[in-house]
Amino acid sequence: MLTETPLIIVGDDPSECSHAVLIMLSILAPMRTNADYRPYLTLYESDVKEFQARSKKSGSIGNSIIGVSNPFLVSYLGGEGNAVLHMDRAHFSEKKY
């Protein structure tokens, strides 16, 4: 986060991914980040093509933090410069009110 390394967070469902991205951003508070963050990105969004073009051009998605639940997106957006964090369902608990 501090070194602006591109990060793709992979989880089982959208709420898990979005929570993880927002938790990562909250770790930096009160500092600001210039990272482009997407709590949850689907295959059908137009931004996917932009991230894929960046990945082909420079080998990474740029200064971005992205949450995905589709493993295909990891290979589609993949590059040598991207860090990939896989969330294990057993370690994630969500409180329902």
PDB file of N, CA and C in Angstrom:
ATOM      1  N   MET A   1       0.822  -1.192   0.000  1.00  0.00           N
ATOM      2  CA  MET A   1       0.000   0.000   0.000  1.00  0.00           C
ATOM      3  C   MET A   1       0.870   1.263   0.000  1.00  0.00           C
ATOM      4  N   LEU A   2       1.865   1.283   0.845  1.00  0.00           N
ATOM      5  CA  LEU A   2       2.721   2.463   0.918  1.00  0.00           C
ATOM      6  C   LEU A   2       3.642   2.586  -0.283  1.00  0.00           C
ATOM      7  N   THR A   3       4.022   1.468  -0.865  1.00  0.00           N
ATOM      8  CA  THR A   3       4.936   1.506  -2.003  1.00  0.00           C
ATOM      9  C   THR A   3       4.199   1.609  -3.326  1.00  0.00           C
ATOM     10  N   GLU A   4       2.893   1.713  -3.295  1.00  0.00           N
ATOM     11  CA  GLU A   4       2.037   1.836  -4.471  1.00  0.00           C
ATOM     12  C   GLU A   4       2.184   0.652  -5.422  1.00  0.00           C
ATOM     13  N   THR A   5       2.351  -0.534  -4.856  1.00  0.00           N
ATOM     14  CA  THR A   5       2.382  -1.760  -5.640  1.00  0.00           C
ATOM     15  C   THR A   5       0.964  -2.118  -6.047  1.00  0.00           C
ATOM     16  N   PRO A   6       0.710  -2.414  -7.317  1.00  0.00           N
ATOM     17  CA  PRO A   6      -0.627  -2.805  -7.750  1.00  0.00           C
ATOM     18  C   PRO A   6      -1.080  -4.068  -7.012  1.00  0.00           C
ATOM     19  N   LEU A   7      -2.320  -4.080  -6.560  1.00  0.00           N
ATOM     20  CA  LEU A   7      -2.815  -5.180  -5.747  1.00  0.00           C
ATOM     21  C   LEU A   7      -4.167  -5.653  -6.272  1.00  0.00           C
ATOM     22  N   ILE A   8      -4.278  -6.960  -6.497  1.00  0.00           N
ATOM     23  CA  ILE A   8      -5.548  -7.582  -6.874  1.00  0.00           C
ATOM     24  C   ILE A   8      -5.948  -8.496  -5.730  1.00  0.00           C
ATOM     25  N   ILE A   9      -7.102  -8.242  -5.136  1.00  0.00           N
ATOM     26  CA  ILE A   9      -7.602  -9.049  -4.033  1.00  0.00           C
ATOM     27  C   ILE A   9      -8.679  -9.979  -4.577  1.00  0.00           C
ATOM     28  N   VAL A  10      -8.486 -11.281  -4.391  1.00  0.00           N
ATOM     29  CA  VAL A  10      -9.398 -12.290  -4.915  1.00  0.00           C
ATOM     30  C   VAL A  10     -10.133 -12.934  -3.749  1.00  0.00           C
ATOM     31  N   GLY A  11     -11.461 -12.930  -3.825  1.00  0.00           N
ATOM     32  CA  GLY A  11     -12.277 -13.539  -2.786  1.00  0.00           C
ATOM     33  C   GLY A  11     -13.375 -14.394  -3.375  1.00  0.00           C
ATOM     34  N   ASP A  12     -14.132 -15.030  -2.497  1.00  0.00           N
ATOM     35  CA  ASP A  12     -15.213 -15.914  -2.937  1.00  0.00           C
ATOM     36  C   ASP A  12     -16.480 -15.165  -3.343  1.00  0.00           C
ATOM     37  N   ASP A  13     -16.726 -14.031  -2.725  1.00  0.00           N
ATOM     38  CA  ASP A  13     -17.937 -13.279  -3.067  1.00  0.00           C
ATOM     39  C   ASP A  13     -17.657 -11.779  -3.048  1.00  0.00           C
ATOM     40  N   PRO A  14     -18.540 -10.996  -3.654  1.00  0.00           N
ATOM     41  CA  PRO A  14     -18.315  -9.541  -3.770  1.00  0.00           C
ATOM     42  C   PRO A  14     -18.159  -8.820  -2.436  1.00  0.00           C
ATOM     43  N   SER A  15     -18.932  -9.217  -1.427  1.00  0.00           N
ATOM     44  CA  SER A  15     -18.833  -8.510  -0.148  1.00  0.00           C
ATOM     45  C   SER A  15     -17.479  -8.740   0.503  1.00  0.00           C
ATOM     46  N   GLU A  16     -16.935  -9.943   0.353  1.00  0.00           N
ATOM     47  CA  GLU A  16     -15.618 -10.249   0.903  1.00  0.00           C
ATOM     48  C   GLU A  16     -14.538  -9.411   0.229  1.00  0.00           C
ATOM     49  N   CYS A  17     -14.614  -9.301  -1.087  1.00  0.00           N
ATOM     50  CA  CYS A  17     -13.627  -8.523  -1.837  1.00  0.00           C
ATOM     51  C   CYS A  17     -13.697  -7.047  -1.483  1.00  0.00           C
ATOM     52  N   SER A  18     -14.899  -6.504  -1.475  1.00  0.00           N
ATOM     53  CA  SER A  18     -15.040  -5.070  -1.215  1.00  0.00           C
ATOM     54  C   SER A  18     -14.630  -4.723   0.209  1.00  0.00           C
ATOM     55  N   HIS A  19     -14.960  -5.579   1.174  1.00  0.00           N
ATOM     56  CA  HIS A  19     -14.518  -5.344   2.547  1.00  0.00           C
ATOM     57  C   HIS A  19     -12.999  -5.343   2.641  1.00  0.00           C
ATOM     58  N   ALA A  20     -12.362  -6.272   1.981  1.00  0.00           N
ATOM     59  CA  ALA A  20     -10.903  -6.366   2.034  1.00  0.00           C
ATOM     60  C   ALA A  20     -10.238  -5.128   1.432  1.00  0.00           C
ATOM     61  N   VAL A  21     -10.758  -4.636   0.309  1.00  0.00           N
ATOM     62  CA  VAL A  21     -10.194  -3.435  -0.323  1.00  0.00           C
ATOM     63  C   VAL A  21     -10.356  -2.231   0.598  1.00  0.00           C
ATOM     64  N   LEU A  22     -11.527  -2.080   1.179  1.00  0.00           N
ATOM     65  CA  LEU A  22     -11.770  -0.938   2.061  1.00  0.00           C
ATOM     66  C   LEU A  22     -10.960  -1.034   3.349  1.00  0.00           C
ATOM     67  N   ILE A  23     -10.727  -2.241   3.847  1.00  0.00           N
ATOM     68  CA  ILE A  23      -9.880  -2.412   5.027  1.00  0.00           C
ATOM     69  C   ILE A  23      -8.443  -2.021   4.700  1.00  0.00           C
ATOM     70  N   MET A  24      -7.964  -2.425   3.527  1.00  0.00           N
ATOM     71  CA  MET A  24      -6.611  -2.053   3.117  1.00  0.00           C
ATOM     72  C   MET A  24      -6.458  -0.536   3.052  1.00  0.00           C
ATOM     73  N   LEU A  25      -7.476   0.137   2.522  1.00  0.00           N
ATOM     74  CA  LEU A  25      -7.407   1.603   2.440  1.00  0.00           C
ATOM     75  C   LEU A  25      -7.486   2.244   3.818  1.00  0.00           C
ATOM     76  N   SER A  26      -8.244   1.646   4.731  1.00  0.00           N
ATOM     77  CA  SER A  26      -8.382   2.225   6.064  1.00  0.00           C
ATOM     78  C   SER A  26      -7.094   2.099   6.875  1.00  0.00           C
ATOM     79  N   ILE A  27      -6.236   1.148   6.502  1.00  0.00           N
ATOM     80  CA  ILE A  27      -4.954   0.998   7.184  1.00  0.00           C
ATOM     81  C   ILE A  27      -4.103   2.256   7.005  1.00  0.00           C
ATOM     82  N   LEU A  28      -4.219   2.892   5.851  1.00  0.00           N
ATOM     83  CA  LEU A  28      -3.422   4.083   5.559  1.00  0.00           C
ATOM     84  C   LEU A  28      -3.925   5.347   6.237  1.00  0.00           C
ATOM     85  N   ALA A  29      -5.147   5.350   6.704  1.00  0.00           N
ATOM     86  CA  ALA A  29      -5.725   6.558   7.278  1.00  0.00           C
ATOM     87  C   ALA A  29      -4.876   7.023   8.457  1.00  0.00           C
ATOM     88  N   PRO A  30      -4.621   8.267   8.593  1.00  0.00           N
ATOM     89  CA  PRO A  30      -5.107   9.470   7.936  1.00  0.00           C
ATOM     90  C   PRO A  30      -4.288   9.901   6.722  1.00  0.00           C
ATOM     91  N   MET A  31      -3.318   9.089   6.285  1.00  0.00           N
ATOM     92  CA  MET A  31      -2.567   9.440   5.084  1.00  0.00           C
ATOM     93  C   MET A  31      -3.448   9.273   3.856  1.00  0.00           C
ATOM     94  N   ARG A  32      -3.116   9.975   2.808  1.00  0.00           N
ATOM     95  CA  ARG A  32      -3.868   9.874   1.560  1.00  0.00           C
ATOM     96  C   ARG A  32      -3.121   8.989   0.576  1.00  0.00           C
ATOM     97  N   THR A  33      -3.874   8.399  -0.335  1.00  0.00           N
ATOM     98  CA  THR A  33      -3.264   7.602  -1.382  1.00  0.00           C
ATOM     99  C   THR A  33      -3.784   8.076  -2.737  1.00  0.00           C
ATOM    100  N   ASN A  34      -2.956   7.972  -3.736  1.00  0.00           N
ATOM    101  CA  ASN A  34      -3.359   8.315  -5.099  1.00  0.00           C
ATOM    102  C   ASN A  34      -3.790   7.078  -5.871  1.00  0.00           C
ATOM    103  N   ALA A  35      -3.922   5.975  -5.177  1.00  0.00           N
ATOM    104  CA  ALA A  35      -4.290   4.721  -5.833  1.00  0.00           C
ATOM    105  C   ALA A  35      -5.721   4.772  -6.355  1.00  0.00           C
ATOM    106  N   ASP A  36      -5.903   4.171  -7.519  1.00  0.00           N
ATOM    107  CA  ASP A  36      -7.236   3.974  -8.075  1.00  0.00           C
ATOM    108  C   ASP A  36      -7.767   2.699  -7.441  1.00  0.00           C
ATOM    109  N   TYR A  37      -8.827   2.803  -6.653  1.00  0.00           N
ATOM    110  CA  TYR A  37      -9.327   1.609  -5.985  1.00  0.00           C
ATOM    111  C   TYR A  37     -10.735   1.273  -6.450  1.00  0.00           C
ATOM    112  N   ARG A  38     -10.955   0.009  -6.635  1.00  0.00           N
ATOM    113  CA  ARG A  38     -12.253  -0.525  -7.043  1.00  0.00           C
ATOM    114  C   ARG A  38     -12.588  -1.641  -6.069  1.00  0.00           C
ATOM    115  N   PRO A  39     -13.536  -1.401  -5.142  1.00  0.00           N
ATOM    116  CA  PRO A  39     -13.867  -2.441  -4.174  1.00  0.00           C
ATOM    117  C   PRO A  39     -14.311  -3.752  -4.823  1.00  0.00           C
ATOM    118  N   TYR A  40     -14.985  -3.663  -5.965  1.00  0.00           N
ATOM    119  CA  TYR A  40     -15.384  -4.885  -6.643  1.00  0.00           C
ATOM    120  C   TYR A  40     -15.474  -4.607  -8.138  1.00  0.00           C
ATOM    121  N   LEU A  41     -14.767  -5.399  -8.910  1.00  0.00           N
ATOM    122  CA  LEU A  41     -14.722  -5.237 -10.358  1.00  0.00           C
ATOM    123  C   LEU A  41     -15.245  -6.526 -11.000  1.00  0.00           C
ATOM    124  N   THR A  42     -16.195  -6.378 -11.923  1.00  0.00           N
ATOM    125  CA  THR A  42     -16.725  -7.538 -12.632  1.00  0.00           C
ATOM    126  C   THR A  42     -16.166  -7.580 -14.043  1.00  0.00           C
ATOM    127  N   LEU A  43     -16.300  -8.704 -14.659  1.00  0.00           N
ATOM    128  CA  LEU A  43     -15.796  -8.916 -16.008  1.00  0.00           C
ATOM    129  C   LEU A  43     -16.512  -8.037 -17.025  1.00  0.00           C
ATOM    130  N   TYR A  44     -17.738  -7.634 -16.719  1.00  0.00           N
ATOM    131  CA  TYR A  44     -18.574  -6.908 -17.676  1.00  0.00           C
ATOM    132  C   TYR A  44     -18.425  -5.392 -17.606  1.00  0.00           C
ATOM    133  N   GLU A  45     -17.597  -4.882 -16.731  1.00  0.00           N
ATOM    134  CA  GLU A  45     -17.412  -3.433 -16.632  1.00  0.00           C
ATOM    135  C   GLU A  45     -16.443  -2.952 -17.699  1.00  0.00           C
ATOM    136  N   SER A  46     -16.664  -1.742 -18.167  1.00  0.00           N
ATOM    137  CA  SER A  46     -15.807  -1.182 -19.229  1.00  0.00           C
ATOM    138  C   SER A  46     -14.385  -0.910 -18.747  1.00  0.00           C
ATOM    139  N   ASP A  47     -14.202  -0.723 -17.447  1.00  0.00           N
ATOM    140  CA  ASP A  47     -12.870  -0.444 -16.903  1.00  0.00           C
ATOM    141  C   ASP A  47     -11.920  -1.636 -17.025  1.00  0.00           C
ATOM    142  N   VAL A  48     -12.463  -2.832 -17.179  1.00  0.00           N
ATOM    143  CA  VAL A  48     -11.628  -4.025 -17.281  1.00  0.00           C
ATOM    144  C   VAL A  48     -10.715  -3.933 -18.494  1.00  0.00           C
ATOM    145  N   LYS A  49     -11.242  -3.440 -19.602  1.00  0.00           N
ATOM    146  CA  LYS A  49     -10.421  -3.309 -20.809  1.00  0.00           C
ATOM    147  C   LYS A  49      -9.301  -2.293 -20.611  1.00  0.00           C
ATOM    148  N   GLU A  50      -9.587  -1.230 -19.875  1.00  0.00           N
ATOM    149  CA  GLU A  50      -8.559  -0.228 -19.587  1.00  0.00           C
ATOM    150  C   GLU A  50      -7.448  -0.826 -18.722  1.00  0.00           C
ATOM    151  N   PHE A  51      -7.813  -1.573 -17.678  1.00  0.00           N
ATOM    152  CA  PHE A  51      -6.816  -2.215 -16.830  1.00  0.00           C
ATOM    153  C   PHE A  51      -6.018  -3.259 -17.609  1.00  0.00           C
ATOM    154  N   GLN A  52      -6.676  -3.980 -18.503  1.00  0.00           N
ATOM    155  CA  GLN A  52      -6.000  -5.003 -19.296  1.00  0.00           C
ATOM    156  C   GLN A  52      -5.008  -4.362 -20.262  1.00  0.00           C
ATOM    157  N   ALA A  53      -5.378  -3.229 -20.841  1.00  0.00           N
ATOM    158  CA  ALA A  53      -4.463  -2.512 -21.737  1.00  0.00           C
ATOM    159  C   ALA A  53      -3.235  -2.012 -20.974  1.00  0.00           C
ATOM    160  N   ARG A  54      -3.442  -1.505 -19.754  1.00  0.00           N
ATOM    161  CA  ARG A  54      -2.325  -1.073 -18.921  1.00  0.00           C
ATOM    162  C   ARG A  54      -1.396  -2.246 -18.602  1.00  0.00           C
ATOM    163  N   SER A  55      -2.017  -3.387 -18.303  1.00  0.00           N
ATOM    164  CA  SER A  55      -1.246  -4.575 -17.944  1.00  0.00           C
ATOM    165  C   SER A  55      -0.396  -5.062 -19.109  1.00  0.00           C
ATOM    166  N   LYS A  56      -0.953  -5.023 -20.324  1.00  0.00           N
ATOM    167  CA  LYS A  56      -0.190  -5.434 -21.506  1.00  0.00           C
ATOM    168  C   LYS A  56       0.953  -4.465 -21.794  1.00  0.00           C
ATOM    169  N   LYS A  57       0.691  -3.178 -21.589  1.00  0.00           N
ATOM    170  CA  LYS A  57       1.681  -2.155 -21.932  1.00  0.00           C
ATOM    171  C   LYS A  57       2.854  -2.130 -20.954  1.00  0.00           C
ATOM    172  N   SER A  58       2.541  -2.122 -19.654  1.00  0.00           N
ATOM    173  CA  SER A  58       3.609  -1.943 -18.667  1.00  0.00           C
ATOM    174  C   SER A  58       3.862  -3.162 -17.781  1.00  0.00           C
ATOM    175  N   GLY A  59       3.060  -4.211 -17.904  1.00  0.00           N
ATOM    176  CA  GLY A  59       3.251  -5.395 -17.064  1.00  0.00           C
ATOM    177  C   GLY A  59       2.536  -5.332 -15.733  1.00  0.00           C
ATOM    178  N   SER A  60       1.816  -4.237 -15.465  1.00  0.00           N
ATOM    179  CA  SER A  60       1.039  -4.130 -14.233  1.00  0.00           C
ATOM    180  C   SER A  60      -0.199  -3.271 -14.499  1.00  0.00           C
ATOM    181  N   ILE A  61      -1.120  -3.285 -13.549  1.00  0.00           N
ATOM    182  CA  ILE A  61      -2.364  -2.523 -13.712  1.00  0.00           C
ATOM    183  C   ILE A  61      -2.215  -1.078 -13.252  1.00  0.00           C
ATOM    184  N   GLY A  62      -1.030  -0.699 -12.909  1.00  0.00           N
ATOM    185  CA  GLY A  62      -0.806   0.670 -12.445  1.00  0.00           C
ATOM    186  C   GLY A  62      -1.046   0.770 -10.949  1.00  0.00           C
ATOM    187  N   ASN A  63      -1.100   1.954 -10.451  1.00  0.00           N
ATOM    188  CA  ASN A  63      -1.297   2.201  -9.025  1.00  0.00           C
ATOM    189  C   ASN A  63      -2.767   1.971  -8.684  1.00  0.00           C
ATOM    190  N   SER A  64      -3.141   0.698  -8.522  1.00  0.00           N
ATOM    191  CA  SER A  64      -4.544   0.336  -8.330  1.00  0.00           C
ATOM    192  C   SER A  64      -4.694  -0.756  -7.283  1.00  0.00           C
ATOM    193  N   ILE A  65      -5.842  -0.742  -6.622  1.00  0.00           N
ATOM    194  CA  ILE A  65      -6.234  -1.788  -5.693  1.00  0.00           C
ATOM    195  C   ILE A  65      -7.601  -2.268  -6.162  1.00  0.00           C
ATOM    196  N   ILE A  66      -7.701  -3.524  -6.549  1.00  0.00           N
ATOM    197  CA  ILE A  66      -8.913  -4.046  -7.168  1.00  0.00           C
ATOM    198  C   ILE A  66      -9.374  -5.294  -6.433  1.00  0.00           C
ATOM    199  N   GLY A  67     -10.668  -5.393  -6.183  1.00  0.00           N
ATOM    200  CA  GLY A  67     -11.262  -6.590  -5.607  1.00  0.00           C
ATOM    201  C   GLY A  67     -12.028  -7.345  -6.678  1.00  0.00           C
ATOM    202  N   VAL A  68     -11.784  -8.643  -6.805  1.00  0.00           N
ATOM    203  CA  VAL A  68     -12.465  -9.482  -7.795  1.00  0.00           C
ATOM    204  C   VAL A  68     -12.851 -10.809  -7.147  1.00  0.00           C
ATOM    205  N   SER A  69     -13.888 -11.439  -7.683  1.00  0.00           N
ATOM    206  CA  SER A  69     -14.234 -12.784  -7.228  1.00  0.00           C
ATOM    207  C   SER A  69     -14.134 -13.790  -8.368  1.00  0.00           C
ATOM    208  N   ASN A  70     -13.905 -13.311  -9.573  1.00  0.00           N
ATOM    209  CA  ASN A  70     -13.766 -14.185 -10.725  1.00  0.00           C
ATOM    210  C   ASN A  70     -12.283 -14.460 -10.963  1.00  0.00           C
ATOM    211  N   PRO A  71     -11.840 -15.710 -10.804  1.00  0.00           N
ATOM    212  CA  PRO A  71     -10.418 -16.005 -10.989  1.00  0.00           C
ATOM    213  C   PRO A  71      -9.924 -15.734 -12.416  1.00  0.00           C
ATOM    214  N   PHE A  72     -10.827 -15.715 -13.383  1.00  0.00           N
ATOM    215  CA  PHE A  72     -10.436 -15.405 -14.755  1.00  0.00           C
ATOM    216  C   PHE A  72      -9.864 -13.996 -14.851  1.00  0.00           C
ATOM    217  N   LEU A  73     -10.392 -13.071 -14.059  1.00  0.00           N
ATOM    218  CA  LEU A  73      -9.894 -11.692 -14.089  1.00  0.00           C
ATOM    219  C   LEU A  73      -8.440 -11.609 -13.646  1.00  0.00           C
ATOM    220  N   VAL A  74      -8.015 -12.493 -12.769  1.00  0.00           N
ATOM    221  CA  VAL A  74      -6.624 -12.476 -12.317  1.00  0.00           C
ATOM    222  C   VAL A  74      -5.696 -12.791 -13.489  1.00  0.00           C
ATOM    223  N   SER A  75      -6.059 -13.797 -14.287  1.00  0.00           N
ATOM    224  CA  SER A  75      -5.223 -14.121 -15.441  1.00  0.00           C
ATOM    225  C   SER A  75      -5.371 -13.076 -16.548  1.00  0.00           C
ATOM    226  N   TYR A  76      -6.555 -12.490 -16.680  1.00  0.00           N
ATOM    227  CA  TYR A  76      -6.809 -11.478 -17.707  1.00  0.00           C
ATOM    228  C   TYR A  76      -6.051 -10.190 -17.405  1.00  0.00           C
ATOM    229  N   LEU A  77      -6.041  -9.796 -16.140  1.00  0.00           N
ATOM    230  CA  LEU A  77      -5.362  -8.565 -15.733  1.00  0.00           C
ATOM    231  C   LEU A  77      -3.940  -8.820 -15.262  1.00  0.00           C
ATOM    232  N   GLY A  78      -3.579 -10.080 -15.198  1.00  0.00           N
ATOM    233  CA  GLY A  78      -2.302 -10.461 -14.610  1.00  0.00           C
ATOM    234  C   GLY A  78      -1.101  -9.856 -15.303  1.00  0.00           C
ATOM    235  N   GLY A  79      -0.098  -9.724 -14.544  1.00  0.00           N
ATOM    236  CA  GLY A  79       1.177  -9.223 -15.031  1.00  0.00           C
ATOM    237  C   GLY A  79       2.226  -9.479 -13.973  1.00  0.00           C
ATOM    238  N   GLU A  80       3.459  -9.346 -14.324  1.00  0.00           N
ATOM    239  CA  GLU A  80       4.549  -9.600 -13.380  1.00  0.00           C
ATOM    240  C   GLU A  80       4.554  -8.600 -12.227  1.00  0.00           C
ATOM    241  N   GLY A  81       4.086  -7.377 -12.465  1.00  0.00           N
ATOM    242  CA  GLY A  81       4.165  -6.340 -11.445  1.00  0.00           C
ATOM    243  C   GLY A  81       2.993  -6.280 -10.491  1.00  0.00           C
ATOM    244  N   ASN A  82       2.004  -7.157 -10.640  1.00  0.00           N
ATOM    245  CA  ASN A  82       0.821  -7.123  -9.789  1.00  0.00           C
ATOM    246  C   ASN A  82       0.973  -8.079  -8.614  1.00  0.00           C
ATOM    247  N   ALA A  83       0.633  -7.615  -7.433  1.00  0.00           N
ATOM    248  CA  ALA A  83       0.564  -8.498  -6.269  1.00  0.00           C
ATOM    249  C   ALA A  83      -0.864  -9.037  -6.194  1.00  0.00           C
ATOM    250  N   VAL A  84      -1.005 -10.330  -5.945  1.00  0.00           N
ATOM    251  CA  VAL A  84      -2.323 -10.961  -5.867  1.00  0.00           C
ATOM    252  C   VAL A  84      -2.500 -11.532  -4.475  1.00  0.00           C
ATOM    253  N   LEU A  85      -3.588 -11.138  -3.809  1.00  0.00           N
ATOM    254  CA  LEU A  85      -3.907 -11.604  -2.473  1.00  0.00           C
ATOM    255  C   LEU A  85      -5.182 -12.430  -2.541  1.00  0.00           C
ATOM    256  N   HIS A  86      -5.093 -13.717  -2.200  1.00  0.00           N
ATOM    257  CA  HIS A  86      -6.262 -14.598  -2.197  1.00  0.00           C
ATOM    258  C   HIS A  86      -6.818 -14.663  -0.783  1.00  0.00           C
ATOM    259  N   MET A  87      -8.090 -14.311  -0.640  1.00  0.00           N
ATOM    260  CA  MET A  87      -8.744 -14.356   0.663  1.00  0.00           C
ATOM    261  C   MET A  87      -9.298 -15.764   0.895  1.00  0.00           C
ATOM    262  N   ASP A  88      -9.005 -16.328   2.046  1.00  0.00           N
ATOM    263  CA  ASP A  88      -9.520 -17.638   2.403  1.00  0.00           C
ATOM    264  C   ASP A  88     -10.792 -17.446   3.211  1.00  0.00           C
ATOM    265  N   ARG A  89     -11.856 -18.086   2.794  1.00  0.00           N
ATOM    266  CA  ARG A  89     -13.170 -17.927   3.430  1.00  0.00           C
ATOM    267  C   ARG A  89     -13.130 -18.267   4.911  1.00  0.00           C
ATOM    268  N   ALA A  90     -12.287 -19.188   5.308  1.00  0.00           N
ATOM    269  CA  ALA A  90     -12.253 -19.611   6.705  1.00  0.00           C
ATOM    270  C   ALA A  90     -11.770 -18.489   7.641  1.00  0.00           C
ATOM    271  N   HIS A  91     -11.043 -17.534   7.126  1.00  0.00           N
ATOM    272  CA  HIS A  91     -10.518 -16.463   7.959  1.00  0.00           C
ATOM    273  C   HIS A  91     -11.327 -15.173   7.864  1.00  0.00           C
ATOM    274  N   PHE A  92     -12.428 -15.203   7.172  1.00  0.00           N
ATOM    275  CA  PHE A  92     -13.239 -13.999   6.984  1.00  0.00           C
ATOM    276  C   PHE A  92     -14.582 -14.227   7.651  1.00  0.00           C
ATOM    277  N   SER A  93     -14.944 -13.364   8.569  1.00  0.00           N
ATOM    278  CA  SER A  93     -16.259 -13.484   9.202  1.00  0.00           C
ATOM    279  C   SER A  93     -16.980 -12.152   9.069  1.00  0.00           C
ATOM    280  N   GLU A  94     -18.213 -12.225   8.713  1.00  0.00           N
ATOM    281  CA  GLU A  94     -19.013 -11.023   8.490  1.00  0.00           C
ATOM    282  C   GLU A  94     -20.164 -11.030   9.489  1.00  0.00           C
ATOM    283  N   LYS A  95     -20.356  -9.921  10.167  1.00  0.00           N
ATOM    284  CA  LYS A  95     -21.466  -9.820  11.099  1.00  0.00           C
ATOM    285  C   LYS A  95     -22.698  -9.340  10.365  1.00  0.00           C
ATOM    286  N   LYS A  96     -23.780 -10.028  10.539  1.00  0.00           N
ATOM    287  CA  LYS A  96     -25.052  -9.638   9.930  1.00  0.00           C
ATOM    288  C   LYS A  96     -25.939  -9.056  11.029  1.00  0.00           C
ATOM    289  N   TYR A  97     -26.410  -7.869  10.800  1.00  0.00           N
ATOM    290  CA  TYR A  97     -27.250  -7.210  11.800  1.00  0.00           C
ATOM    291  C   TYR A  97     -28.694  -7.289  11.408  1.00  0.00           C
TER     292      TYR A  97
END
